[in-house]
N, C-alpha and C. Protein backbone atom coordinates (compact mmCIF):
# COMPACT_ATOMS: atom_id res chain seq x y z
N MET A 1 18.35 -12.39 30.32
CA MET A 1 17.92 -11.22 30.48
C MET A 1 17.86 -10.25 29.39
N SER A 2 16.70 -9.52 28.71
CA SER A 2 16.83 -8.88 27.67
C SER A 2 17.90 -7.51 27.72
N GLN A 3 18.51 -7.18 26.50
CA GLN A 3 19.41 -5.96 26.54
C GLN A 3 18.69 -4.79 26.02
N PRO A 4 18.43 -3.90 26.32
CA PRO A 4 17.96 -2.38 26.06
C PRO A 4 18.53 -1.96 24.67
N ILE A 5 17.53 -1.57 24.11
CA ILE A 5 17.47 -1.22 22.76
C ILE A 5 18.44 -0.17 22.83
N GLN A 6 19.59 -0.16 21.90
CA GLN A 6 20.47 1.26 21.66
C GLN A 6 19.69 2.28 20.89
N SER A 7 19.63 3.44 20.91
CA SER A 7 19.32 4.38 20.08
C SER A 7 20.30 5.18 19.84
N HIS A 8 20.04 5.45 18.79
CA HIS A 8 21.13 6.78 18.14
C HIS A 8 20.52 7.78 17.82
N SER A 9 20.91 9.65 17.93
CA SER A 9 20.07 10.79 17.87
C SER A 9 19.98 10.51 16.08
N SER A 10 20.91 10.40 15.49
CA SER A 10 20.68 10.38 13.83
C SER A 10 19.69 9.57 13.47
N ASP A 11 18.77 8.14 14.13
CA ASP A 11 17.92 7.19 14.00
C ASP A 11 16.74 7.62 13.77
N THR A 12 16.37 7.68 12.43
CA THR A 12 14.59 8.70 12.48
C THR A 12 13.89 7.42 11.90
N ILE A 13 12.60 7.20 12.86
CA ILE A 13 11.33 5.99 12.40
C ILE A 13 10.70 6.93 11.84
N TYR A 14 10.17 6.64 11.16
CA TYR A 14 9.42 7.30 9.92
C TYR A 14 8.07 6.03 10.48
N MET A 15 6.80 6.79 10.59
CA MET A 15 5.58 6.22 10.94
C MET A 15 4.30 6.25 9.88
N ILE A 16 3.85 5.44 8.62
CA ILE A 16 2.56 5.74 8.25
C ILE A 16 1.60 5.61 8.46
N THR A 17 0.77 5.91 8.04
CA THR A 17 -0.93 5.63 8.07
C THR A 17 -1.83 4.91 7.40
N LYS A 18 -2.64 4.28 7.35
CA LYS A 18 -3.55 3.73 7.04
C LYS A 18 -4.04 5.17 5.13
N GLU A 19 -4.02 5.77 5.86
CA GLU A 19 -4.95 7.08 5.31
C GLU A 19 -3.79 7.77 4.29
N GLU A 20 -2.59 8.09 4.55
CA GLU A 20 -1.15 8.34 4.10
C GLU A 20 -1.02 7.36 3.01
N ILE A 21 -1.28 6.21 3.22
CA ILE A 21 -1.30 5.12 1.98
C ILE A 21 -2.40 4.81 1.20
N LYS A 22 -3.58 5.40 1.62
CA LYS A 22 -4.46 5.34 0.59
C LYS A 22 -4.48 6.77 0.04
N GLN A 23 -4.27 7.75 0.23
CA GLN A 23 -3.81 9.17 -0.79
C GLN A 23 -2.87 8.86 -1.14
N LEU A 24 -1.44 8.34 -1.16
CA LEU A 24 -0.72 8.16 -2.29
C LEU A 24 -1.30 7.71 -3.22
N ILE A 25 -2.18 6.31 -2.99
CA ILE A 25 -2.23 5.35 -3.68
C ILE A 25 -3.19 6.13 -4.92
N GLU A 26 -4.20 6.91 -4.37
CA GLU A 26 -5.34 7.39 -4.84
C GLU A 26 -4.54 8.45 -5.62
N ASP A 27 -3.88 9.42 -5.46
CA ASP A 27 -3.10 10.69 -6.23
C ASP A 27 -2.29 10.13 -7.15
N GLY A 28 -1.75 8.72 -6.47
CA GLY A 28 -1.12 8.27 -7.78
C GLY A 28 -1.84 7.28 -9.01
N LEU A 29 -2.71 7.03 -8.66
CA LEU A 29 -3.60 6.18 -9.70
C LEU A 29 -5.17 7.07 -10.03
N PRO A 30 -5.29 8.21 -10.48
CA PRO A 30 -6.21 9.13 -10.73
C PRO A 30 -7.47 8.07 -11.02
N GLY A 31 -8.56 8.43 -9.99
CA GLY A 31 -9.88 7.62 -10.65
C GLY A 31 -9.82 6.65 -9.51
N CYS A 32 -9.27 5.70 -9.23
CA CYS A 32 -8.46 4.40 -8.44
C CYS A 32 -9.47 4.72 -7.01
N THR A 33 -10.19 3.79 -6.36
CA THR A 33 -10.65 3.57 -5.37
C THR A 33 -9.85 2.63 -4.04
N ALA A 34 -9.04 3.32 -3.04
CA ALA A 34 -8.13 2.13 -2.32
C ALA A 34 -8.89 2.08 -1.07
N MET A 35 -8.38 0.99 -0.34
CA MET A 35 -9.09 0.73 0.97
C MET A 35 -7.95 -0.09 1.86
N ILE A 36 -7.37 0.20 3.00
CA ILE A 36 -6.21 0.00 3.47
C ILE A 36 -6.37 -0.15 4.85
N THR A 37 -5.97 -1.15 5.12
CA THR A 37 -6.23 -1.10 6.35
C THR A 37 -5.07 -2.04 7.73
N GLY A 38 -4.97 -2.07 8.69
CA GLY A 38 -3.46 -1.90 9.23
C GLY A 38 -3.47 -0.94 10.34
N ASP A 39 -2.98 -1.37 11.27
CA ASP A 39 -3.01 -0.36 12.23
C ASP A 39 -1.82 -0.21 13.47
N ASP A 40 -0.88 -1.01 12.46
CA ASP A 40 0.37 -1.23 13.59
C ASP A 40 1.70 -0.18 13.06
N GLY A 41 0.95 0.48 12.10
CA GLY A 41 2.73 1.57 11.51
C GLY A 41 2.98 0.78 10.56
N SER A 42 3.22 -0.14 9.91
CA SER A 42 4.36 -1.02 9.06
C SER A 42 3.55 -2.20 8.44
N HIS A 43 2.60 -2.84 8.57
CA HIS A 43 1.83 -4.12 7.91
C HIS A 43 0.79 -3.46 8.39
N PHE A 44 0.31 -3.52 6.42
CA PHE A 44 -0.81 -3.24 5.75
C PHE A 44 -1.28 -4.15 4.73
N ASP A 45 -2.61 -4.10 4.77
CA ASP A 45 -3.57 -4.70 3.99
C ASP A 45 -4.15 -3.63 2.69
N GLY A 46 -4.40 -4.30 1.45
CA GLY A 46 -4.96 -2.97 0.55
C GLY A 46 -6.33 -3.84 -0.39
N ILE A 47 -7.39 -3.39 -0.88
CA ILE A 47 -7.71 -3.37 -2.18
C ILE A 47 -7.82 -2.30 -2.79
N VAL A 48 -7.59 -2.61 -4.19
CA VAL A 48 -7.40 -1.17 -4.89
C VAL A 48 -8.18 -1.53 -6.29
N ILE A 49 -9.13 -0.64 -6.70
CA ILE A 49 -10.20 -0.95 -7.78
C ILE A 49 -9.36 0.33 -8.41
N SER A 50 -9.35 -0.06 -10.01
CA SER A 50 -9.13 0.81 -11.23
C SER A 50 -9.17 0.72 -12.26
N SER A 51 -9.48 1.28 -13.13
CA SER A 51 -9.74 0.97 -14.71
C SER A 51 -8.21 0.51 -15.30
N GLU A 52 -7.55 1.50 -14.80
CA GLU A 52 -6.08 0.72 -15.06
C GLU A 52 -5.70 0.04 -15.22
N PHE A 53 -6.14 -1.50 -14.47
CA PHE A 53 -5.66 -2.51 -14.27
C PHE A 53 -6.21 -3.73 -15.38
N ALA A 54 -7.71 -2.90 -16.26
CA ALA A 54 -7.68 -3.57 -17.38
C ALA A 54 -6.49 -4.64 -18.29
N GLY A 55 -6.63 -5.59 -18.74
CA GLY A 55 -5.84 -6.18 -19.39
C GLY A 55 -4.02 -6.61 -18.91
N LYS A 56 -4.08 -5.90 -17.92
CA LYS A 56 -3.03 -6.18 -17.08
C LYS A 56 -2.89 -7.51 -15.85
N ASN A 57 -1.89 -8.15 -15.75
CA ASN A 57 -1.79 -9.28 -15.14
C ASN A 57 -1.75 -8.79 -13.56
N THR A 58 -2.03 -9.34 -12.73
CA THR A 58 -1.73 -9.44 -11.14
C THR A 58 -0.35 -8.68 -10.91
N LEU A 59 0.72 -9.24 -11.72
CA LEU A 59 2.08 -8.51 -11.49
C LEU A 59 2.09 -7.28 -11.70
N ALA A 60 1.70 -6.72 -13.14
CA ALA A 60 1.83 -5.87 -13.72
C ALA A 60 0.63 -4.45 -12.54
N GLN A 61 -0.59 -5.10 -12.64
CA GLN A 61 -1.17 -4.47 -11.42
C GLN A 61 -0.52 -4.19 -10.07
N HIS A 62 -0.04 -5.14 -9.57
CA HIS A 62 1.21 -4.33 -8.34
C HIS A 62 1.92 -3.75 -8.43
N ARG A 63 2.57 -3.09 -9.83
CA ARG A 63 3.47 -2.94 -9.81
C ARG A 63 2.58 -1.55 -9.95
N LEU A 64 2.01 -1.04 -10.60
CA LEU A 64 1.04 0.17 -10.65
C LEU A 64 1.07 0.61 -9.43
N VAL A 65 0.65 -0.01 -8.04
CA VAL A 65 0.35 0.41 -6.76
C VAL A 65 1.90 0.56 -6.13
N PHE A 66 2.20 0.04 -6.55
CA PHE A 66 3.91 -0.30 -5.64
C PHE A 66 4.27 1.30 -6.32
N ASN A 67 4.50 1.36 -7.34
CA ASN A 67 5.00 2.73 -7.71
C ASN A 67 4.53 4.00 -7.43
N THR A 68 3.07 4.16 -6.98
CA THR A 68 2.63 4.80 -6.17
C THR A 68 3.03 5.58 -5.15
N LEU A 69 3.57 4.64 -4.18
CA LEU A 69 3.98 4.78 -2.97
C LEU A 69 5.71 5.07 -2.77
N GLY A 70 6.51 4.85 -4.19
CA GLY A 70 7.55 5.55 -3.98
C GLY A 70 8.23 4.64 -3.27
N ASP A 71 9.51 5.59 -2.68
CA ASP A 71 10.75 4.71 -1.92
C ASP A 71 10.01 3.96 -0.50
N ARG A 72 8.93 4.08 0.31
CA ARG A 72 8.48 3.41 1.08
C ARG A 72 8.91 2.36 1.53
N MET A 73 8.88 1.52 0.51
CA MET A 73 8.30 -0.31 0.43
C MET A 73 10.36 -0.12 0.77
N GLN A 74 11.16 0.03 -0.33
CA GLN A 74 12.40 -0.35 -0.05
C GLN A 74 13.23 0.59 1.22
N THR A 75 12.68 1.67 1.94
CA THR A 75 13.05 2.12 3.17
C THR A 75 12.66 1.81 4.30
N GLY A 76 11.47 0.60 4.26
CA GLY A 76 10.65 0.37 5.04
C GLY A 76 10.03 1.03 5.93
N VAL A 77 9.22 2.14 5.72
CA VAL A 77 8.89 3.26 6.24
C VAL A 77 7.18 2.03 5.90
N ILE A 78 7.35 1.41 4.71
CA ILE A 78 5.99 -0.11 4.66
C ILE A 78 6.41 -1.26 5.06
N HIS A 79 6.49 -2.31 5.97
CA HIS A 79 7.37 -3.00 5.85
C HIS A 79 6.42 -3.86 5.17
N ALA A 80 4.96 -3.98 5.01
CA ALA A 80 4.19 -5.03 4.16
C ALA A 80 3.30 -4.34 4.03
N LEU A 81 2.49 -4.69 2.55
CA LEU A 81 1.47 -4.36 1.77
C LEU A 81 1.01 -5.58 1.05
N GLY A 82 -0.08 -5.87 1.99
CA GLY A 82 -0.80 -7.31 1.48
C GLY A 82 -1.90 -6.36 0.02
N MET A 83 -1.58 -7.05 -0.64
CA MET A 83 -2.49 -6.39 -1.77
C MET A 83 -3.72 -7.23 -2.64
N LYS A 84 -4.71 -6.55 -2.69
CA LYS A 84 -5.74 -7.52 -4.00
C LYS A 84 -6.36 -6.33 -4.97
N THR A 85 -6.20 -6.82 -6.33
CA THR A 85 -6.49 -5.45 -7.41
C THR A 85 -7.30 -5.95 -7.83
N TYR A 86 -8.53 -4.98 -8.37
CA TYR A 86 -9.38 -5.61 -9.14
C TYR A 86 -10.06 -4.25 -10.09
N THR A 87 -10.22 -4.10 -11.70
CA THR A 87 -11.01 -3.62 -12.35
C THR A 87 -12.25 -3.37 -11.55
N PRO A 88 -12.96 -1.99 -12.02
CA PRO A 88 -14.24 -1.84 -11.26
C PRO A 88 -15.32 -2.60 -11.44
N GLU A 89 -15.24 -3.56 -12.85
CA GLU A 89 -16.06 -4.75 -13.42
C GLU A 89 -15.71 -5.67 -12.44
N GLU A 90 -14.44 -6.15 -12.17
CA GLU A 90 -14.40 -7.44 -11.27
C GLU A 90 -14.86 -6.87 -10.04
N TRP A 91 -14.69 -5.97 -9.43
CA TRP A 91 -14.84 -5.66 -8.23
C TRP A 91 -16.66 -5.48 -8.23
N GLU A 92 -17.54 -5.48 -8.69
CA GLU A 92 -18.33 -5.44 -8.79
C GLU A 92 -19.65 -6.80 -8.99
N ALA A 93 -18.65 -7.24 -9.79
CA ALA A 93 -19.14 -8.94 -9.89
C ALA A 93 -18.92 -9.54 -8.69
N GLN A 94 -17.57 -9.02 -8.21
CA GLN A 94 -17.36 -9.79 -6.61
C GLN A 94 -18.53 -9.87 -5.74
N ASN A 95 -18.73 -8.19 -5.54
CA ASN A 95 -19.46 -8.06 -4.75
C ASN A 95 -21.27 -8.20 -4.81
N ASN A 96 -21.21 -9.08 -6.27
CA ASN A 96 -22.74 -8.77 -6.02
C ASN A 96 -23.14 -10.57 -5.83
C-alpha cells in the first residue's frame, strides 16, 4: 500500500510556466525568439533563435540560454529543458 506524502509547512513548491520561461529567455537574450512547449510545470522543450549564437558551438549556445534562467535549473524549478538553438540564418534554412 502506498504511503501518504509527508508535507512540511516550510516546503515551498514553485511552478513555472512556459510563458515565464519564454519571457526570461527573451529578456536575457535581447532580440532572440524563444518558443517553449510543455505543460506539466517542470519539463519543457524549447527552440531559441538568436544572432548571438553565430560562431558559437552548441554547448556555448545552450549556456547562453541557461544563463538567462538564473538558478531555476539548479533549484529544480525547471526540472528539464530540452533545447534546440539556431541563428536566424540557420532557422530560415531549416524552414524553407
